[in-house]
C-alpha atoms as a PDB file:
ATOM      1  CA  MET A   1    -100.414  92.138 294.720  1.00  0.00           C
ATOM      2  CA  SER A   2    -102.377  95.351 294.653  1.00  0.00           C
ATOM      3  CA  ILE A   3    -101.648  98.406 296.791  1.00  0.00           C
ATOM      4  CA  THR A   4    -104.244 100.916 297.844  1.00  0.00           C
ATOM      5  CA  VAL A   5    -102.956 104.380 298.718  1.00  0.00           C
ATOM      6  CA  ARG A   6    -105.387 106.321 300.875  1.00  0.00           C
ATOM      7  CA  SER A   7    -105.684 109.950 299.897  1.00  0.00           C
ATOM      8  CA  PRO A   8    -104.487 112.325 302.617  1.00  0.00           C
ATOM      9  CA  LEU A   9    -107.169 114.853 301.656  1.00  0.00           C
ATOM     10  CA  PRO A  10    -110.580 114.850 303.365  1.00  0.00           C
ATOM     11  CA  SER A  11    -113.667 114.378 301.245  1.00  0.00           C
ATOM     12  CA  THR A  12    -116.532 116.795 301.788  1.00  0.00           C
ATOM     13  CA  ARG A  13    -119.100 114.463 300.256  1.00  0.00           C
ATOM     14  CA  PRO A  14    -119.065 111.162 298.398  1.00  0.00           C
ATOM     15  CA  GLY A  15    -117.639 111.430 294.934  1.00  0.00           C
ATOM     16  CA  ARG A  16    -116.127 114.883 295.410  1.00  0.00           C
ATOM     17  CA  ARG A  17    -112.814 115.929 296.943  1.00  0.00           C
ATOM     18  CA  THR A  18    -111.657 119.424 297.629  1.00  0.00           C
ATOM     19  CA  MET A  19    -108.039 120.520 297.943  1.00  0.00           C
ATOM     20  CA  PRO A  20    -107.369 123.323 300.407  1.00  0.00           C
ATOM     21  CA  ALA A  21    -105.344 126.217 299.055  1.00  0.00           C
ATOM     22  CA  ARG A  22    -101.679 126.083 299.968  1.00  0.00           C
ATOM     23  CA  SER A  23    -100.922 128.782 302.484  1.00  0.00           C
ATOM     24  CA  ALA A  24     -98.142 131.290 301.977  1.00  0.00           C
ATOM     25  CA  GLY A  25     -94.776 129.855 302.812  1.00  0.00           C
ATOM     26  CA  THR A  26     -95.715 126.239 301.994  1.00  0.00           C
ATOM     27  CA  ALA A  27     -93.213 125.038 299.458  1.00  0.00           C
ATOM     28  CA  GLY A  28     -94.063 122.946 296.469  1.00  0.00           C
ATOM     29  CA  PRO A  29     -91.882 120.285 294.869  1.00  0.00           C
ATOM     30  CA  ASP A  30     -90.041 123.040 293.026  1.00  0.00           C
ATOM     31  CA  GLY A  31     -89.278 124.820 296.294  1.00  0.00           C
ATOM     32  CA  SER A  32     -91.638 127.695 295.441  1.00  0.00           C
ATOM     33  CA  THR A  33     -94.389 129.150 297.607  1.00  0.00           C
ATOM     34  CA  GLY A  34     -97.739 130.456 296.622  1.00  0.00           C
ATOM     35  CA  THR A  35    -101.281 131.243 297.688  1.00  0.00           C
ATOM     36  CA  ALA A  36    -104.549 130.475 296.042  1.00  0.00           C
ATOM     37  CA  ALA A  37    -106.241 133.298 294.234  1.00  0.00           C
ATOM     38  CA  PRO A  38    -109.130 134.934 296.108  1.00  0.00           C
ATOM     39  CA  GLY A  39    -112.344 133.069 295.587  1.00  0.00           C
ATOM     40  CA  HIS A  40    -110.585 130.042 294.135  1.00  0.00           C
ATOM     41  CA  GLY A  41    -109.879 128.050 297.289  1.00  0.00           C
ATOM     42  CA  THR A  42    -111.590 124.980 295.861  1.00  0.00           C
ATOM     43  CA  HIS A  43    -109.723 125.237 292.545  1.00  0.00           C
ATOM     44  CA  PRO A  44    -106.062 124.452 293.275  1.00  0.00           C
ATOM     45  CA  SER A  45    -103.364 125.754 290.988  1.00  0.00           C
ATOM     46  CA  PRO A  46    -101.105 123.395 289.020  1.00  0.00           C
ATOM     47  CA  ALA A  47     -98.385 123.988 291.624  1.00  0.00           C
ATOM     48  CA  ASP A  48    -100.796 122.945 294.404  1.00  0.00           C
ATOM     49  CA  ARG A  49    -101.770 119.799 292.558  1.00  0.00           C
ATOM     50  CA  SER A  50     -98.096 119.086 291.914  1.00  0.00           C
ATOM     51  CA  VAL A  51     -97.113 119.292 295.570  1.00  0.00           C
ATOM     52  CA  VAL A  52    -100.050 117.154 296.661  1.00  0.00           C
ATOM     53  CA  ARG A  53     -99.119 114.559 294.069  1.00  0.00           C
ATOM     54  CA  ALA A  54     -95.434 114.612 295.064  1.00  0.00           C
ATOM     55  CA  ILE A  55     -96.235 114.285 298.767  1.00  0.00           C
ATOM     56  CA  GLY A  56     -98.723 111.522 298.060  1.00  0.00           C
ATOM     57  CA  VAL A  57     -96.312 109.505 295.930  1.00  0.00           C
ATOM     58  CA  LEU A  58     -93.558 109.823 298.534  1.00  0.00           C
ATOM     59  CA  ALA A  59     -95.975 108.828 301.306  1.00  0.00           C
ATOM     60  CA  ALA A  60     -97.019 105.796 299.288  1.00  0.00           C
ATOM     61  CA  MET A  61     -93.390 104.780 298.816  1.00  0.00           C
ATOM     62  CA  THR A  62     -92.446 105.131 302.481  1.00  0.00           C
ATOM     63  CA  ALA A  63     -95.530 103.134 303.477  1.00  0.00           C
ATOM     64  CA  VAL A  64     -94.314 100.129 301.498  1.00  0.00           C
ATOM     65  CA  PRO A  65     -91.732  97.942 303.289  1.00  0.00           C
ATOM     66  CA  MET A  66     -88.218  97.642 301.926  1.00  0.00           C
ATOM     67  CA  GLY A  67     -87.940  94.660 299.617  1.00  0.00           C
ATOM     68  CA  ASP A  68     -91.533  94.887 298.482  1.00  0.00           C
ATOM     69  CA  LEU A  69     -91.832  94.374 294.731  1.00  0.00           C
ATOM     70  CA  ALA A  70     -93.918  97.532 294.385  1.00  0.00           C
ATOM     71  CA  ARG A  71     -91.353  99.820 296.045  1.00  0.00           C
ATOM     72  CA  PRO A  72     -88.938 100.348 293.069  1.00  0.00           C
ATOM     73  CA  ALA A  73     -91.733 101.686 290.856  1.00  0.00           C
ATOM     74  CA  LEU A  74     -92.974 103.991 293.630  1.00  0.00           C
ATOM     75  CA  ARG A  75     -89.403 105.156 294.212  1.00  0.00           C
ATOM     76  CA  ASP A  76     -89.041 106.107 290.544  1.00  0.00           C
ATOM     77  CA  ARG A  77     -92.340 108.000 290.663  1.00  0.00           C
ATOM     78  CA  ALA A  78     -91.278 109.852 293.823  1.00  0.00           C
ATOM     79  CA  ILE A  79     -87.981 110.925 292.261  1.00  0.00           C
ATOM     80  CA  GLU A  80     -89.781 112.121 289.138  1.00  0.00           C
ATOM     81  CA  ALA A  81     -92.362 114.016 291.199  1.00  0.00           C
ATOM     82  CA  TRP A  82     -89.683 115.962 293.083  1.00  0.00           C
ATOM     83  CA  LEU A  83     -87.528 116.808 290.051  1.00  0.00           C
ATOM     84  CA  PRO A  84     -88.906 120.404 289.929  1.00  0.00           C
ATOM     85  CA  LEU A  85     -87.268 121.026 293.328  1.00  0.00           C
ATOM     86  CA  CYS A  86     -84.075 119.523 291.948  1.00  0.00           C
ATOM     87  CA  ARG A  87     -84.093 121.862 288.940  1.00  0.00           C
ATOM     88  CA  ARG A  88     -84.768 124.915 291.097  1.00  0.00           C
ATOM     89  CA  LEU A  89     -81.821 124.184 293.390  1.00  0.00           C
ATOM     90  CA  ALA A  90     -79.511 123.470 290.446  1.00  0.00           C
ATOM     91  CA  ARG A  91     -80.328 126.851 288.875  1.00  0.00           C
ATOM     92  CA  ARG A  92     -78.878 128.611 291.919  1.00  0.00           C
ATOM     93  CA  TYR A  93     -75.405 127.449 290.897  1.00  0.00           C
ATOM     94  CA  ARG A  94     -75.438 128.590 287.285  1.00  0.00           C
ATOM     95  CA  GLY A  95     -72.587 130.630 285.844  1.00  0.00           C
ATOM     96  CA  ARG A  96     -69.779 128.850 287.677  1.00  0.00           C
ATOM     97  CA  GLY A  97     -68.179 127.030 284.771  1.00  0.00           C
ATOM     98  CA  VAL A  98     -70.445 123.968 284.891  1.00  0.00           C
ATOM     99  CA  SER A  99     -73.124 123.293 282.281  1.00  0.00           C
ATOM    100  CA  ASP A 100     -76.801 123.248 283.246  1.00  0.00           C
ATOM    101  CA  ASP A 101     -77.051 119.569 282.296  1.00  0.00           C
ATOM    102  CA  ASP A 102     -74.161 118.627 284.571  1.00  0.00           C
ATOM    103  CA  LEU A 103     -75.636 120.670 287.409  1.00  0.00           C
ATOM    104  CA  LEU A 104     -78.975 118.913 287.028  1.00  0.00           C
ATOM    105  CA  GLN A 105     -77.271 115.524 286.984  1.00  0.00           C
ATOM    106  CA  VAL A 106     -75.433 116.291 290.225  1.00  0.00           C
ATOM    107  CA  ALA A 107     -78.577 117.685 291.845  1.00  0.00           C
ATOM    108  CA  SER A 108     -80.473 114.565 290.755  1.00  0.00           C
ATOM    109  CA  VAL A 109     -77.929 112.403 292.570  1.00  0.00           C
ATOM    110  CA  GLY A 110     -78.651 114.410 295.712  1.00  0.00           C
ATOM    111  CA  LEU A 111     -82.402 114.016 295.188  1.00  0.00           C
ATOM    112  CA  ILE A 112     -82.062 110.251 294.819  1.00  0.00           C
ATOM    113  CA  LYS A 113     -80.092 110.116 298.072  1.00  0.00           C
ATOM    114  CA  ALA A 114     -82.763 112.228 299.778  1.00  0.00           C
ATOM    115  CA  VAL A 115     -85.594 109.964 298.578  1.00  0.00           C
ATOM    116  CA  ASP A 116     -83.729 106.816 299.627  1.00  0.00           C
ATOM    117  CA  ARG A 117     -82.754 108.138 303.059  1.00  0.00           C
ATOM    118  CA  TYR A 118     -85.932 109.982 303.981  1.00  0.00           C
ATOM    119  CA  ASP A 119     -87.737 108.674 307.047  1.00  0.00           C
ATOM    120  CA  PRO A 120     -91.039 110.401 307.912  1.00  0.00           C
ATOM    121  CA  GLY A 121     -90.765 108.941 311.395  1.00  0.00           C
ATOM    122  CA  TYR A 122     -88.260 111.653 312.315  1.00  0.00           C
ATOM    123  CA  GLY A 123     -90.993 114.274 311.992  1.00  0.00           C
ATOM    124  CA  THR A 124     -89.193 116.356 309.355  1.00  0.00           C
ATOM    125  CA  GLY A 125     -90.913 117.319 306.121  1.00  0.00           C
ATOM    126  CA  PHE A 126     -89.312 116.016 302.958  1.00  0.00           C
ATOM    127  CA  ILE A 127     -88.386 119.472 301.640  1.00  0.00           C
ATOM    128  CA  GLY A 128     -86.588 120.317 304.870  1.00  0.00           C
ATOM    129  CA  PHE A 129     -84.578 117.126 304.420  1.00  0.00           C
ATOM    130  CA  ALA A 130     -84.099 117.227 300.646  1.00  0.00           C
ATOM    131  CA  VAL A 131     -82.870 120.819 300.237  1.00  0.00           C
ATOM    132  CA  PRO A 132     -79.682 120.452 302.336  1.00  0.00           C
ATOM    133  CA  THR A 133     -79.081 116.996 300.850  1.00  0.00           C
ATOM    134  CA  VAL A 134     -79.258 118.244 297.254  1.00  0.00           C
ATOM    135  CA  THR A 135     -77.315 121.469 297.867  1.00  0.00           C
ATOM    136  CA  GLY A 136     -74.704 119.521 299.803  1.00  0.00           C
ATOM    137  CA  GLU A 137     -74.229 117.211 296.829  1.00  0.00           C
ATOM    138  CA  ILE A 138     -73.803 120.192 294.485  1.00  0.00           C
ATOM    139  CA  LYS A 139     -71.312 121.904 296.792  1.00  0.00           C
ATOM    140  CA  ARG A 140     -69.371 118.667 297.129  1.00  0.00           C
ATOM    141  CA  TYR A 141     -69.175 118.421 293.339  1.00  0.00           C
ATOM    142  CA  PHE A 142     -67.775 121.950 293.053  1.00  0.00           C
ATOM    143  CA  ARG A 143     -65.352 121.271 295.874  1.00  0.00           C
ATOM    144  CA  ASP A 144     -63.995 117.938 294.647  1.00  0.00           C
ATOM    145  CA  ARG A 145     -64.256 118.058 290.857  1.00  0.00           C
ATOM    146  CA  THR A 146     -63.835 121.595 289.595  1.00  0.00           C
ATOM    147  CA  TRP A 147     -60.954 123.120 291.590  1.00  0.00           C
ATOM    148  CA  ALA A 148     -57.675 123.250 289.657  1.00  0.00           C
ATOM    149  CA  VAL A 149     -55.608 123.576 292.843  1.00  0.00           C
ATOM    150  CA  ARG A 150     -56.525 121.933 296.109  1.00  0.00           C
ATOM    151  CA  VAL A 151     -57.359 124.435 298.832  1.00  0.00           C
ATOM    152  CA  PRO A 152     -58.832 123.833 302.302  1.00  0.00           C
ATOM    153  CA  ARG A 153     -62.456 122.675 302.249  1.00  0.00           C
ATOM    154  CA  SER A 154     -63.548 125.568 304.462  1.00  0.00           C
ATOM    155  CA  LEU A 155     -62.097 128.028 301.949  1.00  0.00           C
ATOM    156  CA  GLN A 156     -63.837 126.283 299.060  1.00  0.00           C
ATOM    157  CA  ASP A 157     -67.202 126.407 300.844  1.00  0.00           C
ATOM    158  CA  ARG A 158     -66.661 130.063 301.698  1.00  0.00           C
ATOM    159  CA  HIS A 159     -65.903 130.864 298.057  1.00  0.00           C
ATOM    160  CA  VAL A 160     -69.168 129.191 297.002  1.00  0.00           C
ATOM    161  CA  ASP A 161     -71.096 131.205 299.610  1.00  0.00           C
ATOM    162  CA  ILE A 162     -69.400 134.435 298.525  1.00  0.00           C
ATOM    163  CA  THR A 163     -70.222 133.802 294.868  1.00  0.00           C
ATOM    164  CA  ALA A 164     -73.893 133.257 295.703  1.00  0.00           C
ATOM    165  CA  ALA A 165     -73.931 136.326 297.969  1.00  0.00           C
ATOM    166  CA  LYS A 166     -72.406 138.521 295.245  1.00  0.00           C
ATOM    167  CA  ALA A 167     -75.110 137.504 292.778  1.00  0.00           C
ATOM    168  CA  GLU A 168     -77.883 138.132 295.297  1.00  0.00           C
ATOM    169  CA  LEU A 169     -76.501 141.474 296.495  1.00  0.00           C
ATOM    170  CA  THR A 170     -75.936 142.694 292.931  1.00  0.00           C
ATOM    171  CA  HIS A 171     -79.637 142.108 292.245  1.00  0.00           C
ATOM    172  CA  VAL A 172     -80.773 143.723 295.503  1.00  0.00           C
ATOM    173  CA  LEU A 173     -78.391 146.706 295.547  1.00  0.00           C
ATOM    174  CA  GLY A 174     -78.348 147.367 291.810  1.00  0.00           C
ATOM    175  CA  ARG A 175     -74.538 147.537 291.856  1.00  0.00           C
ATOM    176  CA  SER A 176     -71.529 145.362 292.502  1.00  0.00           C
ATOM    177  CA  PRO A 177     -71.294 144.687 296.250  1.00  0.00           C
ATOM    178  CA  THR A 178     -68.232 145.758 298.193  1.00  0.00           C
ATOM    179  CA  VAL A 179     -66.206 143.479 300.430  1.00  0.00           C
ATOM    180  CA  ALA A 180     -67.969 145.028 303.415  1.00  0.00           C
ATOM    181  CA  ASP A 181     -71.374 144.314 301.832  1.00  0.00           C
ATOM    182  CA  VAL A 182     -70.554 140.647 301.289  1.00  0.00           C
ATOM    183  CA  ALA A 183     -69.034 140.275 304.763  1.00  0.00           C
ATOM    184  CA  ALA A 184     -72.100 141.794 306.433  1.00  0.00           C
ATOM    185  CA  HIS A 185     -74.438 139.628 304.359  1.00  0.00           C
ATOM    186  CA  LEU A 186     -72.631 136.404 305.313  1.00  0.00           C
ATOM    187  CA  GLY A 187     -71.869 137.414 308.888  1.00  0.00           C
ATOM    188  CA  ILE A 188     -68.106 137.012 308.506  1.00  0.00           C
ATOM    189  CA  THR A 189     -65.178 139.401 308.761  1.00  0.00           C
ATOM    190  CA  GLU A 190     -63.775 141.318 305.808  1.00  0.00           C
ATOM    191  CA  ASP A 191     -60.491 139.397 306.126  1.00  0.00           C
ATOM    192  CA  GLU A 192     -62.382 136.108 305.828  1.00  0.00           C
ATOM    193  CA  THR A 193     -64.197 137.500 302.803  1.00  0.00           C
ATOM    194  CA  LEU A 194     -60.912 138.471 301.152  1.00  0.00           C
ATOM    195  CA  ASP A 195     -59.564 134.983 301.868  1.00  0.00           C
ATOM    196  CA  GLY A 196     -62.593 133.572 300.076  1.00  0.00           C
ATOM    197  CA  PHE A 197     -61.962 135.824 297.080  1.00  0.00           C
ATOM    198  CA  SER A 198     -58.303 134.769 297.007  1.00  0.00           C
ATOM    199  CA  GLY A 199     -59.233 131.111 297.262  1.00  0.00           C
ATOM    200  CA  GLY A 200     -61.347 131.530 294.151  1.00  0.00           C
ATOM    201  CA  LEU A 201     -58.181 132.152 292.135  1.00  0.00           C
ATOM    202  CA  ALA A 202     -57.408 128.445 292.492  1.00  0.00           C
ATOM    203  CA  TYR A 203     -60.767 127.478 291.007  1.00  0.00           C
ATOM    204  CA  ARG A 204     -59.682 127.422 287.383  1.00  0.00           C
ATOM    205  CA  ALA A 205     -56.200 127.018 285.896  1.00  0.00           C
ATOM    206  CA  VAL A 206     -55.019 128.769 282.731  1.00  0.00           C
ATOM    207  CA  SER A 207     -52.995 126.846 280.173  1.00  0.00           C
ATOM    208  CA  LEU A 208     -49.493 128.086 279.417  1.00  0.00           C
ATOM    209  CA  SER A 209     -50.464 127.708 275.759  1.00  0.00           C
ATOM    210  CA  ALA A 210     -53.265 130.257 276.126  1.00  0.00           C
ATOM    211  CA  PRO A 211     -52.793 133.229 273.770  1.00  0.00           C
ATOM    212  CA  VAL A 212     -51.922 136.603 275.269  1.00  0.00           C
ATOM    213  CA  GLY A 213     -53.270 139.817 273.772  1.00  0.00           C
ATOM    214  CA  THR A 214     -55.778 140.411 271.022  1.00  0.00           C
ATOM    215  CA  ASP A 215     -53.508 139.336 268.159  1.00  0.00           C
ATOM    216  CA  GLY A 216     -52.750 135.932 269.704  1.00  0.00           C
ATOM    217  CA  LEU A 217     -49.131 135.977 268.530  1.00  0.00           C
ATOM    218  CA  PHE A 218     -47.750 135.113 271.951  1.00  0.00           C
ATOM    219  CA  THR A 219     -48.709 132.558 274.574  1.00  0.00           C
ATOM    220  CA  LEU A 220     -48.582 132.839 278.326  1.00  0.00           C
ATOM    221  CA  ALA A 221     -45.462 130.663 278.319  1.00  0.00           C
ATOM    222  CA  ASP A 222     -43.678 133.260 276.172  1.00  0.00           C
ATOM    223  CA  THR A 223     -43.990 135.797 278.986  1.00  0.00           C
ATOM    224  CA  LEU A 224     -42.183 133.591 281.496  1.00  0.00           C
ATOM    225  CA  GLY A 225     -38.505 134.257 282.094  1.00  0.00           C
ATOM    226  CA  ALA A 226     -35.904 131.716 280.954  1.00  0.00           C
ATOM    227  CA  GLU A 227     -33.503 130.054 283.343  1.00  0.00           C
ATOM    228  CA  ASP A 228     -30.671 132.417 284.245  1.00  0.00           C
ATOM    229  CA  HIS A 229     -27.438 130.458 284.545  1.00  0.00           C
ATOM    230  CA  GLY A 230     -25.813 133.513 286.072  1.00  0.00           C
ATOM    231  CA  PHE A 231     -27.335 132.566 289.422  1.00  0.00           C
ATOM    232  CA  ALA A 232     -25.291 129.364 289.462  1.00  0.00           C
ATOM    233  CA  LEU A 233     -22.141 131.325 288.617  1.00  0.00           C
ATOM    234  CA  THR A 234     -22.881 133.760 291.423  1.00  0.00           C
ATOM    235  CA  ASP A 235     -23.110 130.906 293.887  1.00  0.00           C
ATOM    236  CA  LEU A 236     -19.840 129.506 292.549  1.00  0.00           C
ATOM    237  CA  ARG A 237     -18.072 132.861 292.918  1.00  0.00           C
ATOM    238  CA  LEU A 238     -19.289 133.205 296.487  1.00  0.00           C
ATOM    239  CA  SER A 239     -17.911 129.761 297.288  1.00  0.00           C
ATOM    240  CA  LEU A 240     -14.589 130.393 295.522  1.00  0.00           C
ATOM    241  CA  SER A 241     -13.827 133.701 297.222  1.00  0.00           C
ATOM    242  CA  PRO A 242     -12.698 132.296 300.589  1.00  0.00           C
ATOM    243  CA  ALA A 243     -10.884 129.402 298.859  1.00  0.00           C
ATOM    244  CA  LEU A 244      -8.939 131.776 296.597  1.00  0.00           C
ATOM    245  CA  ALA A 245      -7.984 133.829 299.640  1.00  0.00           C
ATOM    246  CA  GLY A 246      -6.051 130.803 300.910  1.00  0.00           C
ATOM    247  CA  LEU A 247      -3.770 130.749 297.839  1.00  0.00           C
ATOM    248  CA  SER A 248      -0.569 132.696 297.528  1.00  0.00           C
ATOM    249  CA  GLU A 249      -0.725 136.003 295.697  1.00  0.00           C
ATOM    250  CA  ARG A 250       1.223 134.540 292.753  1.00  0.00           C
ATOM    251  CA  ASP A 251      -0.982 131.424 292.433  1.00  0.00           C
ATOM    252  CA  ALA A 252      -4.161 133.485 292.677  1.00  0.00           C
ATOM    253  CA  ARG A 253      -2.830 135.853 290.000  1.00  0.00           C
ATOM    254  CA  ILE A 254      -2.016 132.926 287.688  1.00  0.00           C
ATOM    255  CA  LEU A 255      -5.529 131.461 288.046  1.00  0.00           C
ATOM    256  CA  THR A 256      -7.062 134.866 287.438  1.00  0.00           C
ATOM    257  CA  MET A 257      -5.086 135.372 284.228  1.00  0.00           C
ATOM    258  CA  ARG A 258      -5.912 131.821 283.073  1.00  0.00           C
ATOM    259  CA  PHE A 259      -9.654 131.619 283.776  1.00  0.00           C
ATOM    260  CA  TYR A 260     -10.770 135.267 283.889  1.00  0.00           C
ATOM    261  CA  GLY A 261      -8.268 136.743 281.426  1.00  0.00           C
ATOM    262  CA  ASN A 262      -8.438 133.691 279.115  1.00  0.00           C
ATOM    263  CA  LEU A 263      -4.632 133.764 278.630  1.00  0.00           C
ATOM    264  CA  THR A 264      -2.747 130.683 277.547  1.00  0.00           C
ATOM    265  CA  GLN A 265      -0.158 129.065 279.786  1.00  0.00           C
ATOM    266  CA  LEU A 266       2.555 130.351 277.473  1.00  0.00           C
ATOM    267  CA  GLU A 267       1.289 133.943 277.721  1.00  0.00           C
ATOM    268  CA  ILE A 268       1.130 133.654 281.507  1.00  0.00           C
ATOM    269  CA  ALA A 269       4.661 132.233 281.625  1.00  0.00           C
ATOM    270  CA  GLU A 270       5.970 135.196 279.652  1.00  0.00           C
ATOM    271  CA  ARG A 271       4.313 137.679 282.019  1.00  0.00           C
ATOM    272  CA  ILE A 272       5.326 135.907 285.228  1.00  0.00           C
ATOM    273  CA  GLY A 273       8.843 135.015 284.041  1.00  0.00           C
ATOM    274  CA  LEU A 274       8.498 131.256 284.484  1.00  0.00           C
ATOM    275  CA  SER A 275       8.479 128.329 282.112  1.00  0.00           C
ATOM    276  CA  GLN A 276       5.241 127.123 280.586  1.00  0.00           C
ATOM    277  CA  MET A 277       5.700 123.717 282.288  1.00  0.00           C
ATOM    278  CA  HIS A 278       6.130 125.403 285.665  1.00  0.00           C
ATOM    279  CA  ILE A 279       2.962 127.415 285.108  1.00  0.00           C
ATOM    280  CA  SER A 280       1.097 124.192 284.237  1.00  0.00           C
ATOM    281  CA  ARG A 281       2.192 122.557 287.533  1.00  0.00           C
ATOM    282  CA  LEU A 282       1.201 125.636 289.556  1.00  0.00           C
ATOM    283  CA  ILE A 283      -2.251 125.719 287.948  1.00  0.00           C
ATOM    284  CA  THR A 284      -2.746 121.987 288.647  1.00  0.00           C
ATOM    285  CA  GLN A 285      -1.690 122.401 292.300  1.00  0.00           C
ATOM    286  CA  SER A 286      -3.887 125.454 292.800  1.00  0.00           C
ATOM    287  CA  LEU A 287      -6.944 123.719 291.322  1.00  0.00           C
ATOM    288  CA  SER A 288      -6.375 120.718 293.610  1.00  0.00           C
ATOM    289  CA  THR A 289      -6.236 123.065 296.597  1.00  0.00           C
ATOM    290  CA  LEU A 290      -9.498 124.716 295.554  1.00  0.00           C
ATOM    291  CA  ARG A 291     -11.212 121.344 295.112  1.00  0.00           C
ATOM    292  CA  ARG A 292     -10.244 120.301 298.628  1.00  0.00           C
ATOM    293  CA  GLU A 293     -11.502 123.570 300.095  1.00  0.00           C
ATOM    294  CA  LEU A 294     -14.808 123.339 298.246  1.00  0.00           C
ATOM    295  CA  SER A 295     -15.296 119.691 299.232  1.00  0.00           C
ATOM    296  CA  HIS A 296     -14.814 120.663 302.886  1.00  0.00           C
ATOM    297  CA  ASP A 297     -17.472 123.368 302.479  1.00  0.00           C
ATOM    298  CA  ASP A 298     -19.961 120.748 301.249  1.00  0.00           C
ATOM    299  CA  PHE A 299     -19.778 119.005 304.572  1.00  0.00           C
END
């Protein structure tokens, strides 16, 4: 089965076609705009020929019904024709920890979705439909695949917008933009801008094995404090204080000499004037009393 694609361009006379110069603001398949050079209206630039070809291939594809054997080949040609737009959009997201090849792959997925979903019957040009589809795919990739710590989606999107705004304002202003500059550019408050900056801290994690300093002798883990068992002892002392207050002065003194003074039962017996066996019974009784008091506190 053969397919004839009618050219969308008018012919001025048999055997000769002229291509009108693309007016300013008309975007090509790479998303760029341009105007024909003076006096060269009948000699389109390569960009003009590229956009006409891309539009023509896409029109040919959409004119063929779904399921037609010719549609897959036209679909492949349409995707290839609009790859310059894909590359241009991917370049906007450089310098964010993702390689150019990966960015182009993600943008290409968005382009394929745009080609497959595009319906000229809605009255929207393909570029107006493809740009948000491709950029949305790229933003989704950054949001779902590259964040080390999950943060709210709104904060992730704001961080992406802030990063792009910083790059643009740095070029325009010739200096690093302030928080107020970025906020005014995006039309958000300074607090929202600061939240976006803070959210960016969760974008990339740092390994505890990463070296610290120029000599690399220490790792980040070496700078972390060790567990302090004194905190557990502090909690124990706070719990014991009211329980010890319930003991007699003699029993409390015996426990103090035994566990804080590290005296033996015999040494305590000599100081108190009791037998070592009596001291042993008093210590056992006092410890039982403390256990009961502490078990009551647990409930």
